[in-house]
Amino acid sequence: RIVVKITSRPGETFVDRMIRLVEGASRQKTPNEIALNILLAS
């Protein structure tokens, strides 16, 4: 038996973050990727 102190709010758990990340919803372009996009646009 253990006593756990909750460190996350509903919807902000580690699994929730994993889901958002692997879905790509929070994926931002990296500086290298942005620079290459600018080159391609140019």
PDB file of all heavy atoms in Angstrom:
ATOM      1  N   ARG A   1       0.846  -1.190   0.000  1.00  0.00           N
ATOM      2  CA  ARG A   1       0.000   0.000   0.000  1.00  0.00           C
ATOM      3  C   ARG A   1       0.881   1.239   0.000  1.00  0.00           C
ATOM      4  O   ARG A   1       1.933   1.269   0.645  1.00  0.00           O
ATOM      5  CB  ARG A   1      -0.896  -0.011   1.236  1.00  0.00           C
ATOM      6  CG  ARG A   1      -1.723   1.262   1.423  1.00  0.00           C
ATOM      7  CD  ARG A   1      -2.596   1.180   2.647  1.00  0.00           C
ATOM      8  NE  ARG A   1      -3.643   0.162   2.482  1.00  0.00           N
ATOM      9  CZ  ARG A   1      -4.637  -0.014   3.334  1.00  0.00           C
ATOM     10  NH1 ARG A   1      -4.709   0.736   4.420  1.00  0.00           N
ATOM     11  NH2 ARG A   1      -5.542  -0.941   3.117  1.00  0.00           N
ATOM     12  N   ILE A   2       0.450   2.264  -0.730  1.00  0.00           N
ATOM     13  CA  ILE A   2       1.211   3.507  -0.803  1.00  0.00           C
ATOM     14  C   ILE A   2       0.277   4.699  -0.682  1.00  0.00           C
ATOM     15  O   ILE A   2      -0.925   4.597  -0.937  1.00  0.00           O
ATOM     16  CB  ILE A   2       1.998   3.616  -2.133  1.00  0.00           C
ATOM     17  CG1 ILE A   2       1.054   3.402  -3.330  1.00  0.00           C
ATOM     18  CG2 ILE A   2       3.156   2.641  -2.177  1.00  0.00           C
ATOM     19  CD1 ILE A   2       1.730   3.589  -4.675  1.00  0.00           C
ATOM     20  N   VAL A   3       0.841   5.820  -0.261  1.00  0.00           N
ATOM     21  CA  VAL A   3       0.133   7.097  -0.284  1.00  0.00           C
ATOM     22  C   VAL A   3       0.813   7.961  -1.341  1.00  0.00           C
ATOM     23  O   VAL A   3       2.032   8.151  -1.324  1.00  0.00           O
ATOM     24  CB  VAL A   3       0.176   7.802   1.083  1.00  0.00           C
ATOM     25  CG1 VAL A   3      -0.536   9.153   0.994  1.00  0.00           C
ATOM     26  CG2 VAL A   3      -0.476   6.932   2.155  1.00  0.00           C
ATOM     27  N   VAL A   4       0.022   8.456  -2.270  1.00  0.00           N
ATOM     28  CA  VAL A   4       0.547   9.229  -3.403  1.00  0.00           C
ATOM     29  C   VAL A   4       0.063  10.670  -3.311  1.00  0.00           C
ATOM     30  O   VAL A   4      -1.124  10.927  -3.081  1.00  0.00           O
ATOM     31  CB  VAL A   4       0.085   8.611  -4.744  1.00  0.00           C
ATOM     32  CG1 VAL A   4       0.572   9.446  -5.925  1.00  0.00           C
ATOM     33  CG2 VAL A   4       0.572   7.172  -4.865  1.00  0.00           C
ATOM     34  N   LYS A   5       0.993  11.595  -3.488  1.00  0.00           N
ATOM     35  CA  LYS A   5       0.637  13.007  -3.580  1.00  0.00           C
ATOM     36  C   LYS A   5       0.493  13.363  -5.058  1.00  0.00           C
ATOM     37  O   LYS A   5       1.433  13.219  -5.839  1.00  0.00           O
ATOM     38  CB  LYS A   5       1.706  13.884  -2.933  1.00  0.00           C
ATOM     39  CG  LYS A   5       1.363  15.370  -2.950  1.00  0.00           C
ATOM     40  CD  LYS A   5       2.450  16.198  -2.266  1.00  0.00           C
ATOM     41  CE  LYS A   5       2.083  17.681  -2.270  1.00  0.00           C
ATOM     42  NZ  LYS A   5       3.141  18.499  -1.612  1.00  0.00           N
ATOM     43  N   ILE A   6      -0.677  13.802  -5.475  1.00  0.00           N
ATOM     44  CA  ILE A   6      -0.962  14.088  -6.881  1.00  0.00           C
ATOM     45  C   ILE A   6      -0.175  15.320  -7.328  1.00  0.00           C
ATOM     46  O   ILE A   6      -0.198  16.368  -6.659  1.00  0.00           O
ATOM     47  CB  ILE A   6      -2.473  14.306  -7.105  1.00  0.00           C
ATOM     48  CG1 ILE A   6      -3.245  13.045  -6.692  1.00  0.00           C
ATOM     49  CG2 ILE A   6      -2.750  14.654  -8.557  1.00  0.00           C
ATOM     50  CD1 ILE A   6      -2.892  11.807  -7.499  1.00  0.00           C
ATOM     51  N   THR A   7       0.507  15.199  -8.452  1.00  0.00           N
ATOM     52  CA  THR A   7       1.344  16.298  -8.955  1.00  0.00           C
ATOM     53  C   THR A   7       0.866  16.818 -10.310  1.00  0.00           C
ATOM     54  O   THR A   7       1.583  17.575 -10.969  1.00  0.00           O
ATOM     55  CB  THR A   7       2.807  15.837  -9.081  1.00  0.00           C
ATOM     56  OG1 THR A   7       2.862  14.694  -9.960  1.00  0.00           O
ATOM     57  CG2 THR A   7       3.389  15.471  -7.737  1.00  0.00           C
ATOM     58  N   SER A   8      -0.315  16.403 -10.755  1.00  0.00           N
ATOM     59  CA  SER A   8      -0.830  16.878 -12.044  1.00  0.00           C
ATOM     60  C   SER A   8      -2.312  17.192 -11.929  1.00  0.00           C
ATOM     61  O   SER A   8      -3.024  16.623 -11.097  1.00  0.00           O
ATOM     62  CB  SER A   8      -0.610  15.825 -13.133  1.00  0.00           C
ATOM     63  OG  SER A   8      -1.355  14.650 -12.846  1.00  0.00           O
ATOM     64  N   ARG A   9      -2.763  18.093 -12.772  1.00  0.00           N
ATOM     65  CA  ARG A   9      -4.187  18.427 -12.837  1.00  0.00           C
ATOM     66  C   ARG A   9      -4.872  17.530 -13.856  1.00  0.00           C
ATOM     67  O   ARG A   9      -4.217  16.980 -14.742  1.00  0.00           O
ATOM     68  CB  ARG A   9      -4.356  19.896 -13.232  1.00  0.00           C
ATOM     69  CG  ARG A   9      -3.811  20.878 -12.193  1.00  0.00           C
ATOM     70  CD  ARG A   9      -4.041  22.316 -12.657  1.00  0.00           C
ATOM     71  NE  ARG A   9      -3.626  23.274 -11.641  1.00  0.00           N
ATOM     72  CZ  ARG A   9      -2.384  23.731 -11.526  1.00  0.00           C
ATOM     73  NH1 ARG A   9      -1.447  23.310 -12.369  1.00  0.00           N
ATOM     74  NH2 ARG A   9      -2.074  24.596 -10.583  1.00  0.00           N
ATOM     75  N   PRO A  10      -6.191  17.382 -13.786  1.00  0.00           N
ATOM     76  CA  PRO A  10      -6.911  16.584 -14.784  1.00  0.00           C
ATOM     77  C   PRO A  10      -6.638  17.111 -16.194  1.00  0.00           C
ATOM     78  O   PRO A  10      -6.663  18.313 -16.438  1.00  0.00           O
ATOM     79  CB  PRO A  10      -8.384  16.773 -14.385  1.00  0.00           C
ATOM     80  CG  PRO A  10      -8.340  17.084 -12.923  1.00  0.00           C
ATOM     81  CD  PRO A  10      -7.092  17.867 -12.705  1.00  0.00           C
ATOM     82  N   GLY A  11      -6.363  16.189 -17.114  1.00  0.00           N
ATOM     83  CA  GLY A  11      -6.061  16.575 -18.487  1.00  0.00           C
ATOM     84  C   GLY A  11      -4.621  16.970 -18.708  1.00  0.00           C
ATOM     85  O   GLY A  11      -4.219  17.260 -19.836  1.00  0.00           O
ATOM     86  N   GLU A  12      -3.820  17.000 -17.639  1.00  0.00           N
ATOM     87  CA  GLU A  12      -2.415  17.379 -17.768  1.00  0.00           C
ATOM     88  C   GLU A  12      -1.500  16.275 -17.257  1.00  0.00           C
ATOM     89  O   GLU A  12      -0.364  16.522 -16.875  1.00  0.00           O
ATOM     90  CB  GLU A  12      -2.148  18.677 -16.990  1.00  0.00           C
ATOM     91  CG  GLU A  12      -2.919  19.871 -17.516  1.00  0.00           C
ATOM     92  CD  GLU A  12      -2.643  21.129 -16.718  1.00  0.00           C
ATOM     93  OE1 GLU A  12      -1.792  21.078 -15.809  1.00  0.00           O
ATOM     94  OE2 GLU A  12      -3.268  22.166 -17.003  1.00  0.00           O
ATOM     95  N   THR A  13      -2.000  15.049 -17.235  1.00  0.00           N
ATOM     96  CA  THR A  13      -1.186  13.941 -16.757  1.00  0.00           C
ATOM     97  C   THR A  13      -0.118  13.602 -17.781  1.00  0.00           C
ATOM     98  O   THR A  13      -0.130  14.068 -18.923  1.00  0.00           O
ATOM     99  CB  THR A  13      -2.046  12.691 -16.501  1.00  0.00           C
ATOM    100  OG1 THR A  13      -2.578  12.235 -17.756  1.00  0.00           O
ATOM    101  CG2 THR A  13      -3.173  13.000 -15.537  1.00  0.00           C
ATOM    102  N   PHE A  14       0.801  12.753 -17.368  1.00  0.00           N
ATOM    103  CA  PHE A  14       1.888  12.339 -18.243  1.00  0.00           C
ATOM    104  C   PHE A  14       1.343  11.642 -19.487  1.00  0.00           C
ATOM    105  O   PHE A  14       1.805  11.874 -20.610  1.00  0.00           O
ATOM    106  CB  PHE A  14       2.835  11.414 -17.472  1.00  0.00           C
ATOM    107  CG  PHE A  14       4.073  11.049 -18.212  1.00  0.00           C
ATOM    108  CD1 PHE A  14       4.973  12.019 -18.603  1.00  0.00           C
ATOM    109  CD2 PHE A  14       4.336   9.733 -18.532  1.00  0.00           C
ATOM    110  CE1 PHE A  14       6.125  11.686 -19.300  1.00  0.00           C
ATOM    111  CE2 PHE A  14       5.481   9.386 -19.222  1.00  0.00           C
ATOM    112  CZ  PHE A  14       6.380  10.369 -19.597  1.00  0.00           C
ATOM    113  N   VAL A  15       0.329  10.798 -19.302  1.00  0.00           N
ATOM    114  CA  VAL A  15      -0.265  10.100 -20.447  1.00  0.00           C
ATOM    115  C   VAL A  15      -0.935  11.096 -21.391  1.00  0.00           C
ATOM    116  O   VAL A  15      -0.840  10.968 -22.615  1.00  0.00           O
ATOM    117  CB  VAL A  15      -1.273   9.038 -19.969  1.00  0.00           C
ATOM    118  CG1 VAL A  15      -2.021   8.435 -21.149  1.00  0.00           C
ATOM    119  CG2 VAL A  15      -0.557   7.941 -19.193  1.00  0.00           C
ATOM    120  N   ASP A  16      -1.611  12.108 -20.838  1.00  0.00           N
ATOM    121  CA  ASP A  16      -2.236  13.131 -21.682  1.00  0.00           C
ATOM    122  C   ASP A  16      -1.187  13.842 -22.526  1.00  0.00           C
ATOM    123  O   ASP A  16      -1.394  14.105 -23.714  1.00  0.00           O
ATOM    124  CB  ASP A  16      -2.980  14.153 -20.814  1.00  0.00           C
ATOM    125  CG  ASP A  16      -4.236  13.574 -20.183  1.00  0.00           C
ATOM    126  OD1 ASP A  16      -4.923  12.804 -20.856  1.00  0.00           O
ATOM    127  OD2 ASP A  16      -4.498  13.880 -19.007  1.00  0.00           O
ATOM    128  N   ARG A  17      -0.075  14.159 -21.903  1.00  0.00           N
ATOM    129  CA  ARG A  17       0.998  14.831 -22.640  1.00  0.00           C
ATOM    130  C   ARG A  17       1.562  13.908 -23.715  1.00  0.00           C
ATOM    131  O   ARG A  17       1.866  14.348 -24.829  1.00  0.00           O
ATOM    132  CB  ARG A  17       2.105  15.260 -21.673  1.00  0.00           C
ATOM    133  CG  ARG A  17       1.683  16.372 -20.726  1.00  0.00           C
ATOM    134  CD  ARG A  17       2.685  16.565 -19.619  1.00  0.00           C
ATOM    135  NE  ARG A  17       3.988  16.949 -20.141  1.00  0.00           N
ATOM    136  CZ  ARG A  17       5.099  16.931 -19.411  1.00  0.00           C
ATOM    137  NH1 ARG A  17       5.045  16.517 -18.154  1.00  0.00           N
ATOM    138  NH2 ARG A  17       6.236  17.297 -19.926  1.00  0.00           N
ATOM    139  N   MET A  18       1.719  12.633 -23.390  1.00  0.00           N
ATOM    140  CA  MET A  18       2.208  11.675 -24.376  1.00  0.00           C
ATOM    141  C   MET A  18       1.275  11.620 -25.582  1.00  0.00           C
ATOM    142  O   MET A  18       1.732  11.614 -26.733  1.00  0.00           O
ATOM    143  CB  MET A  18       2.331  10.285 -23.751  1.00  0.00           C
ATOM    144  CG  MET A  18       3.486  10.121 -22.791  1.00  0.00           C
ATOM    145  SD  MET A  18       3.496   8.472 -22.034  1.00  0.00           S
ATOM    146  CE  MET A  18       3.808   7.447 -23.469  1.00  0.00           C
ATOM    147  N   ILE A  19      -0.025  11.578 -25.315  1.00  0.00           N
ATOM    148  CA  ILE A  19      -0.999  11.479 -26.404  1.00  0.00           C
ATOM    149  C   ILE A  19      -0.892  12.699 -27.316  1.00  0.00           C
ATOM    150  O   ILE A  19      -0.870  12.579 -28.545  1.00  0.00           O
ATOM    151  CB  ILE A  19      -2.423  11.339 -25.838  1.00  0.00           C
ATOM    152  CG1 ILE A  19      -2.584   9.970 -25.158  1.00  0.00           C
ATOM    153  CG2 ILE A  19      -3.465  11.518 -26.928  1.00  0.00           C
ATOM    154  CD1 ILE A  19      -3.873   9.826 -24.388  1.00  0.00           C
ATOM    155  N   ARG A  20      -0.827  13.883 -26.721  1.00  0.00           N
ATOM    156  CA  ARG A  20      -0.746  15.095 -27.538  1.00  0.00           C
ATOM    157  C   ARG A  20       0.530  15.123 -28.361  1.00  0.00           C
ATOM    158  O   ARG A  20       0.535  15.544 -29.518  1.00  0.00           O
ATOM    159  CB  ARG A  20      -0.819  16.333 -26.645  1.00  0.00           C
ATOM    160  CG  ARG A  20      -2.200  16.573 -26.044  1.00  0.00           C
ATOM    161  CD  ARG A  20      -2.315  17.972 -25.491  1.00  0.00           C
ATOM    162  NE  ARG A  20      -1.416  18.199 -24.366  1.00  0.00           N
ATOM    163  CZ  ARG A  20      -1.758  17.998 -23.097  1.00  0.00           C
ATOM    164  NH1 ARG A  20      -2.972  17.559 -22.797  1.00  0.00           N
ATOM    165  NH2 ARG A  20      -0.892  18.226 -22.132  1.00  0.00           N
ATOM    166  N   LEU A  21       1.622  14.655 -27.760  1.00  0.00           N
ATOM    167  CA  LEU A  21       2.906  14.698 -28.453  1.00  0.00           C
ATOM    168  C   LEU A  21       2.983  13.698 -29.595  1.00  0.00           C
ATOM    169  O   LEU A  21       3.428  14.028 -30.689  1.00  0.00           O
ATOM    170  CB  LEU A  21       4.044  14.467 -27.450  1.00  0.00           C
ATOM    171  CG  LEU A  21       4.310  15.638 -26.506  1.00  0.00           C
ATOM    172  CD1 LEU A  21       5.192  15.205 -25.356  1.00  0.00           C
ATOM    173  CD2 LEU A  21       4.958  16.789 -27.268  1.00  0.00           C
ATOM    174  N   VAL A  22       2.564  12.474 -29.346  1.00  0.00           N
ATOM    175  CA  VAL A  22       2.687  11.470 -30.409  1.00  0.00           C
ATOM    176  C   VAL A  22       1.679  11.717 -31.527  1.00  0.00           C
ATOM    177  O   VAL A  22       1.896  11.299 -32.668  1.00  0.00           O
ATOM    178  CB  VAL A  22       2.529  10.026 -29.875  1.00  0.00           C
ATOM    179  CG1 VAL A  22       3.600   9.698 -28.874  1.00  0.00           C
ATOM    180  CG2 VAL A  22       1.154   9.803 -29.267  1.00  0.00           C
ATOM    181  N   GLU A  23       0.591  12.419 -31.226  1.00  0.00           N
ATOM    182  CA  GLU A  23      -0.342  12.800 -32.279  1.00  0.00           C
ATOM    183  C   GLU A  23       0.198  13.942 -33.122  1.00  0.00           C
ATOM    184  O   GLU A  23      -0.262  14.183 -34.228  1.00  0.00           O
ATOM    185  CB  GLU A  23      -1.683  13.223 -31.673  1.00  0.00           C
ATOM    186  CG  GLU A  23      -2.577  12.067 -31.303  1.00  0.00           C
ATOM    187  CD  GLU A  23      -3.949  12.541 -30.880  1.00  0.00           C
ATOM    188  OE1 GLU A  23      -4.043  13.614 -30.261  1.00  0.00           O
ATOM    189  OE2 GLU A  23      -4.927  11.847 -31.165  1.00  0.00           O
ATOM    190  N   GLY A  24       1.190  14.623 -32.593  1.00  0.00           N
ATOM    191  CA  GLY A  24       1.754  15.746 -33.340  1.00  0.00           C
ATOM    192  C   GLY A  24       1.035  17.050 -33.107  1.00  0.00           C
ATOM    193  O   GLY A  24       1.367  18.052 -33.729  1.00  0.00           O
ATOM    194  N   ALA A  25       0.049  17.047 -32.216  1.00  0.00           N
ATOM    195  CA  ALA A  25      -0.730  18.264 -32.005  1.00  0.00           C
ATOM    196  C   ALA A  25       0.118  19.403 -31.470  1.00  0.00           C
ATOM    197  O   ALA A  25      -0.137  20.564 -31.754  1.00  0.00           O
ATOM    198  CB  ALA A  25      -1.891  17.987 -31.040  1.00  0.00           C
ATOM    199  N   SER A  26       1.144  19.068 -30.685  1.00  0.00           N
ATOM    200  CA  SER A  26       1.969  20.114 -30.097  1.00  0.00           C
ATOM    201  C   SER A  26       3.355  20.161 -30.720  1.00  0.00           C
ATOM    202  O   SER A  26       4.257  20.778 -30.184  1.00  0.00           O
ATOM    203  CB  SER A  26       2.098  19.894 -28.579  1.00  0.00           C
ATOM    204  OG  SER A  26       2.704  18.650 -28.320  1.00  0.00           O
ATOM    205  N   ARG A  27       3.500  19.482 -31.861  1.00  0.00           N
ATOM    206  CA  ARG A  27       4.816  19.485 -32.508  1.00  0.00           C
ATOM    207  C   ARG A  27       5.041  20.820 -33.206  1.00  0.00           C
ATOM    208  O   ARG A  27       4.253  21.236 -34.047  1.00  0.00           O
ATOM    209  CB  ARG A  27       4.917  18.348 -33.517  1.00  0.00           C
ATOM    210  CG  ARG A  27       6.253  18.326 -34.245  1.00  0.00           C
ATOM    211  CD  ARG A  27       6.301  17.267 -35.337  1.00  0.00           C
ATOM    212  NE  ARG A  27       7.549  17.341 -36.050  1.00  0.00           N
ATOM    213  CZ  ARG A  27       7.737  18.122 -37.112  1.00  0.00           C
ATOM    214  NH1 ARG A  27       6.758  18.864 -37.555  1.00  0.00           N
ATOM    215  NH2 ARG A  27       8.905  18.145 -37.709  1.00  0.00           N
ATOM    216  N   GLN A  28       6.127  21.492 -32.862  1.00  0.00           N
ATOM    217  CA  GLN A  28       6.489  22.744 -33.501  1.00  0.00           C
ATOM    218  C   GLN A  28       7.697  22.515 -34.406  1.00  0.00           C
ATOM    219  O   GLN A  28       8.548  21.674 -34.135  1.00  0.00           O
ATOM    220  CB  GLN A  28       6.832  23.809 -32.438  1.00  0.00           C
ATOM    221  CG  GLN A  28       5.702  24.083 -31.464  1.00  0.00           C
ATOM    222  CD  GLN A  28       4.496  24.689 -32.149  1.00  0.00           C
ATOM    223  OE1 GLN A  28       4.632  25.513 -33.041  1.00  0.00           O
ATOM    224  NE2 GLN A  28       3.306  24.278 -31.731  1.00  0.00           N
ATOM    225  N   LYS A  29       7.770  23.292 -35.490  1.00  0.00           N
ATOM    226  CA  LYS A  29       8.920  23.175 -36.385  1.00  0.00           C
ATOM    227  C   LYS A  29      10.189  23.588 -35.648  1.00  0.00           C
ATOM    228  O   LYS A  29      10.200  24.531 -34.865  1.00  0.00           O
ATOM    229  CB  LYS A  29       8.719  24.049 -37.627  1.00  0.00           C
ATOM    230  CG  LYS A  29       7.739  23.456 -38.649  1.00  0.00           C
ATOM    231  CD  LYS A  29       7.683  24.322 -39.892  1.00  0.00           C
ATOM    232  CE  LYS A  29       6.900  23.635 -41.005  1.00  0.00           C
ATOM    233  NZ  LYS A  29       5.504  23.407 -40.666  1.00  0.00           N
ATOM    234  N   THR A  30      11.278  22.890 -35.924  1.00  0.00           N
ATOM    235  CA  THR A  30      12.554  23.198 -35.297  1.00  0.00           C
ATOM    236  C   THR A  30      13.230  24.339 -36.042  1.00  0.00           C
ATOM    237  O   THR A  30      12.882  24.640 -37.187  1.00  0.00           O
ATOM    238  CB  THR A  30      13.470  21.966 -35.321  1.00  0.00           C
ATOM    239  OG1 THR A  30      13.765  21.653 -36.689  1.00  0.00           O
ATOM    240  CG2 THR A  30      12.790  20.771 -34.675  1.00  0.00           C
ATOM    241  N   PRO A  31      14.213  25.016 -35.423  1.00  0.00           N
ATOM    242  CA  PRO A  31      14.913  26.111 -36.113  1.00  0.00           C
ATOM    243  C   PRO A  31      15.516  25.671 -37.444  1.00  0.00           C
ATOM    244  O   PRO A  31      15.454  26.406 -38.437  1.00  0.00           O
ATOM    245  CB  PRO A  31      16.002  26.497 -35.098  1.00  0.00           C
ATOM    246  CG  PRO A  31      15.431  26.126 -33.776  1.00  0.00           C
ATOM    247  CD  PRO A  31      14.635  24.882 -34.021  1.00  0.00           C
ATOM    248  N   ASN A  32      16.102  24.466 -37.460  1.00  0.00           N
ATOM    249  CA  ASN A  32      16.689  23.956 -38.692  1.00  0.00           C
ATOM    250  C   ASN A  32      15.624  23.769 -39.761  1.00  0.00           C
ATOM    251  O   ASN A  32      15.813  24.104 -40.939  1.00  0.00           O
ATOM    252  CB  ASN A  32      17.404  22.632 -38.398  1.00  0.00           C
ATOM    253  CG  ASN A  32      18.152  22.093 -39.591  1.00  0.00           C
ATOM    254  OD1 ASN A  32      17.558  21.701 -40.587  1.00  0.00           O
ATOM    255  ND2 ASN A  32      19.470  22.064 -39.482  1.00  0.00           N
ATOM    256  N   GLU A  33      14.479  23.240 -39.348  1.00  0.00           N
ATOM    257  CA  GLU A  33      13.374  23.007 -40.274  1.00  0.00           C
ATOM    258  C   GLU A  33      12.807  24.323 -40.784  1.00  0.00           C
ATOM    259  O   GLU A  33      12.473  24.461 -41.971  1.00  0.00           O
ATOM    260  CB  GLU A  33      12.292  22.195 -39.561  1.00  0.00           C
ATOM    261  CG  GLU A  33      11.330  21.476 -40.473  1.00  0.00           C
ATOM    262  CD  GLU A  33      10.409  20.551 -39.706  1.00  0.00           C
ATOM    263  OE1 GLU A  33      10.697  20.267 -38.526  1.00  0.00           O
ATOM    264  OE2 GLU A  33       9.406  20.123 -40.287  1.00  0.00           O
ATOM    265  N   ILE A  34      12.701  25.312 -39.908  1.00  0.00           N
ATOM    266  CA  ILE A  34      12.207  26.633 -40.312  1.00  0.00           C
ATOM    267  C   ILE A  34      13.157  27.265 -41.319  1.00  0.00           C
ATOM    268  O   ILE A  34      12.731  27.829 -42.341  1.00  0.00           O
ATOM    269  CB  ILE A  34      12.037  27.540 -39.078  1.00  0.00           C
ATOM    270  CG1 ILE A  34      10.891  27.017 -38.189  1.00  0.00           C
ATOM    271  CG2 ILE A  34      11.759  28.978 -39.497  1.00  0.00           C
ATOM    272  CD1 ILE A  34      10.780  27.733 -36.863  1.00  0.00           C
ATOM    273  N   ALA A  35      14.474  27.163 -41.043  1.00  0.00           N
ATOM    274  CA  ALA A  35      15.467  27.733 -41.955  1.00  0.00           C
ATOM    275  C   ALA A  35      15.394  27.074 -43.330  1.00  0.00           C
ATOM    276  O   ALA A  35      15.472  27.751 -44.363  1.00  0.00           O
ATOM    277  CB  ALA A  35      16.868  27.566 -41.362  1.00  0.00           C
ATOM    278  N   LEU A  36      15.211  25.755 -43.339  1.00  0.00           N
ATOM    279  CA  LEU A  36      15.119  25.047 -44.619  1.00  0.00           C
ATOM    280  C   LEU A  36      13.834  25.432 -45.346  1.00  0.00           C
ATOM    281  O   LEU A  36      13.833  25.581 -46.580  1.00  0.00           O
ATOM    282  CB  LEU A  36      15.167  23.537 -44.380  1.00  0.00           C
ATOM    283  CG  LEU A  36      15.280  22.643 -45.625  1.00  0.00           C
ATOM    284  CD1 LEU A  36      16.443  23.067 -46.502  1.00  0.00           C
ATOM    285  CD2 LEU A  36      15.434  21.173 -45.209  1.00  0.00           C
ATOM    286  N   ASN A  37      12.744  25.620 -44.606  1.00  0.00           N
ATOM    287  CA  ASN A  37      11.498  26.070 -45.235  1.00  0.00           C
ATOM    288  C   ASN A  37      11.661  27.444 -45.868  1.00  0.00           C
ATOM    289  O   ASN A  37      11.143  27.708 -46.956  1.00  0.00           O
ATOM    290  CB  ASN A  37      10.372  26.115 -44.193  1.00  0.00           C
ATOM    291  CG  ASN A  37       9.502  24.870 -44.235  1.00  0.00           C
ATOM    292  OD1 ASN A  37       9.147  24.396 -45.296  1.00  0.00           O
ATOM    293  ND2 ASN A  37       9.168  24.351 -43.068  1.00  0.00           N
ATOM    294  N   ILE A  38      12.386  28.320 -45.182  1.00  0.00           N
ATOM    295  CA  ILE A  38      12.635  29.659 -45.734  1.00  0.00           C
ATOM    296  C   ILE A  38      13.462  29.566 -47.013  1.00  0.00           C
ATOM    297  O   ILE A  38      13.188  30.252 -48.009  1.00  0.00           O
ATOM    298  CB  ILE A  38      13.344  30.545 -44.685  1.00  0.00           C
ATOM    299  CG1 ILE A  38      12.400  30.829 -43.503  1.00  0.00           C
ATOM    300  CG2 ILE A  38      13.824  31.846 -45.310  1.00  0.00           C
ATOM    301  CD1 ILE A  38      13.056  31.550 -42.350  1.00  0.00           C
ATOM    302  N   LEU A  39      14.471  28.690 -47.004  1.00  0.00           N
ATOM    303  CA  LEU A  39      15.293  28.491 -48.199  1.00  0.00           C
ATOM    304  C   LEU A  39      14.445  27.977 -49.358  1.00  0.00           C
ATOM    305  O   LEU A  39      14.553  28.473 -50.495  1.00  0.00           O
ATOM    306  CB  LEU A  39      16.428  27.506 -47.896  1.00  0.00           C
ATOM    307  CG  LEU A  39      17.286  27.076 -49.097  1.00  0.00           C
ATOM    308  CD1 LEU A  39      18.005  28.278 -49.696  1.00  0.00           C
ATOM    309  CD2 LEU A  39      18.271  25.986 -48.685  1.00  0.00           C
ATOM    310  N   LEU A  40      13.605  26.977 -49.073  1.00  0.00           N
ATOM    311  CA  LEU A  40      12.766  26.415 -50.126  1.00  0.00           C
ATOM    312  C   LEU A  40      11.775  27.444 -50.649  1.00  0.00           C
ATOM    313  O   LEU A  40      11.515  27.521 -51.861  1.00  0.00           O
ATOM    314  CB  LEU A  40      12.016  25.190 -49.598  1.00  0.00           C
ATOM    315  CG  LEU A  40      12.888  24.000 -49.145  1.00  0.00           C
ATOM    316  CD1 LEU A  40      12.002  22.860 -48.650  1.00  0.00           C
ATOM    317  CD2 LEU A  40      13.789  23.529 -50.266  1.00  0.00           C
ATOM    318  N   ALA A  41      11.214  28.261 -49.758  1.00  0.00           N
ATOM    319  CA  ALA A  41      10.291  29.304 -50.190  1.00  0.00           C
ATOM    320  C   ALA A  41      11.007  30.333 -51.056  1.00  0.00           C
ATOM    321  O   ALA A  41      10.461  30.804 -52.073  1.00  0.00           O
ATOM    322  CB  ALA A  41       9.657  29.973 -48.972  1.00  0.00           C
ATOM    323  N   SER A  42      12.234  30.678 -50.667  1.00  0.00           N
ATOM    324  CA  SER A  42      13.015  31.646 -51.446  1.00  0.00           C
ATOM    325  C   SER A  42      13.314  31.114 -52.841  1.00  0.00           C
ATOM    326  O   SER A  42      13.203  31.836 -53.841  1.00  0.00           O
ATOM    327  CB  SER A  42      14.318  31.971 -50.714  1.00  0.00           C
ATOM    328  OG  SER A  42      14.059  32.495 -49.430  1.00  0.00           O
TER     329      SER A  42
END
